[in-house]
């Protein structure tokens, strides 16, 4: 990180040089949802935990250790795009 300020920062603009998982953009993303939360909350118990792990929104699946999770916004978007999935 540079110790000098950019011209925009000198003129009062907010400067954010962080990138990656700890940037402000990542902080604005939704909360993580784990398998039990999806099963009981979003799917109202209509699908099994195994089905969720294997089939629920595979493009946006993340892992915390071995446990899969999805971000809430991505999960709702996926459900809205697939009316026959539930």
Protein backbone atom coordinates (compact mmCIF):
# COMPACT_ATOMS: atom_id res chain seq x y z
CA UNK A 1 0.00 0.00 0.00
CA UNK A 2 1.32 3.40 -0.96
CA UNK A 3 1.91 6.08 1.64
CA UNK A 4 0.97 8.84 -0.78
CA UNK A 5 -2.59 9.93 -1.35
CA UNK A 6 -4.18 9.95 -4.75
CA UNK A 7 -5.48 13.19 -6.21
CA UNK A 8 -9.06 12.05 -5.54
CA UNK A 9 -8.29 11.34 -1.88
CA UNK A 10 -6.72 14.77 -1.44
CA UNK A 11 -9.92 16.31 -2.80
CA UNK A 12 -12.10 14.49 -0.28
CA UNK A 13 -13.00 11.33 -2.20
CA UNK A 14 -13.01 8.12 -0.21
CA UNK A 15 -10.25 5.79 -1.31
CA UNK A 16 -10.56 2.03 -0.90
CA UNK A 17 -7.53 0.05 -2.01
CA UNK A 18 -8.51 -3.25 -0.42
CA UNK A 19 -9.35 -6.09 -2.75
CA UNK A 20 -10.21 -9.71 -2.30
CA UNK A 21 -12.32 -11.35 0.37
CA UNK A 22 -11.86 -8.56 2.93
CA UNK A 23 -12.87 -5.62 0.74
CA UNK A 24 -15.89 -3.46 1.46
CA UNK A 25 -17.68 -5.14 -1.43
CA UNK A 26 -17.39 -8.52 0.30
CA UNK A 27 -18.73 -6.99 3.53
CA UNK A 28 -21.86 -5.80 1.69
CA UNK A 29 -22.66 -9.31 0.46
CA UNK A 30 -25.31 -11.31 2.18
CA UNK A 31 -24.95 -13.71 5.09
CA UNK A 32 -23.95 -17.36 4.64
CA UNK A 33 -26.66 -20.01 4.71
CA UNK A 34 -25.73 -23.56 5.68
CA UNK A 35 -27.63 -26.75 4.81
CA UNK A 36 -29.96 -26.77 7.88
CA UNK A 37 -30.92 -23.13 7.30
CA UNK A 38 -31.72 -23.77 3.65
CA UNK A 39 -33.63 -26.97 4.42
CA UNK A 40 -35.73 -25.51 7.25
CA UNK A 41 -35.95 -21.88 6.14
CA UNK A 42 -35.94 -21.61 2.37
CA UNK A 43 -37.22 -25.04 1.40
CA UNK A 44 -39.51 -25.62 4.42
CA UNK A 45 -38.24 -29.18 4.90
CA UNK A 46 -39.28 -30.30 1.40
CA UNK A 47 -35.77 -31.48 0.42
CA UNK A 48 -33.24 -33.59 2.28
CA UNK A 49 -29.84 -32.38 3.44
CA UNK A 50 -28.22 -34.76 0.92
CA UNK A 51 -30.26 -33.26 -1.93
CA UNK A 52 -29.24 -29.75 -0.89
CA UNK A 53 -25.53 -30.66 -0.73
CA UNK A 54 -25.65 -32.32 -4.17
CA UNK A 55 -28.11 -30.18 -6.15
CA UNK A 56 -28.74 -26.76 -4.60
CA UNK A 57 -27.14 -23.94 -6.65
CA UNK A 58 -23.85 -25.69 -7.51
CA UNK A 59 -22.38 -22.59 -9.19
CA UNK A 60 -22.44 -20.52 -6.00
CA UNK A 61 -21.51 -23.19 -3.46
CA UNK A 62 -18.70 -22.27 -1.02
CA UNK A 63 -17.04 -24.32 1.68
CA UNK A 64 -16.09 -23.61 5.25
CA UNK A 65 -13.86 -26.57 5.92
CA UNK A 66 -15.96 -29.47 4.64
CA UNK A 67 -19.31 -27.78 5.25
CA UNK A 68 -20.95 -26.23 2.15
CA UNK A 69 -22.70 -22.88 2.37
CA UNK A 70 -24.31 -20.38 0.02
CA UNK A 71 -24.71 -16.63 0.27
CA UNK A 72 -28.29 -15.62 0.98
CA UNK A 73 -28.67 -13.37 -2.09
CA UNK A 74 -27.36 -16.09 -4.41
CA UNK A 75 -29.64 -18.71 -2.85
CA UNK A 76 -32.78 -16.57 -3.26
CA UNK A 77 -31.81 -15.65 -6.83
CA UNK A 78 -31.32 -19.32 -7.70
CA UNK A 79 -34.67 -20.31 -6.19
CA UNK A 80 -36.48 -17.55 -8.08
CA UNK A 81 -34.93 -18.66 -11.37
CA UNK A 82 -35.99 -22.30 -10.89
CA UNK A 83 -39.67 -22.58 -9.97
CA UNK A 84 -39.66 -26.35 -10.49
CA UNK A 85 -36.68 -26.92 -8.16
CA UNK A 86 -38.73 -26.81 -4.96
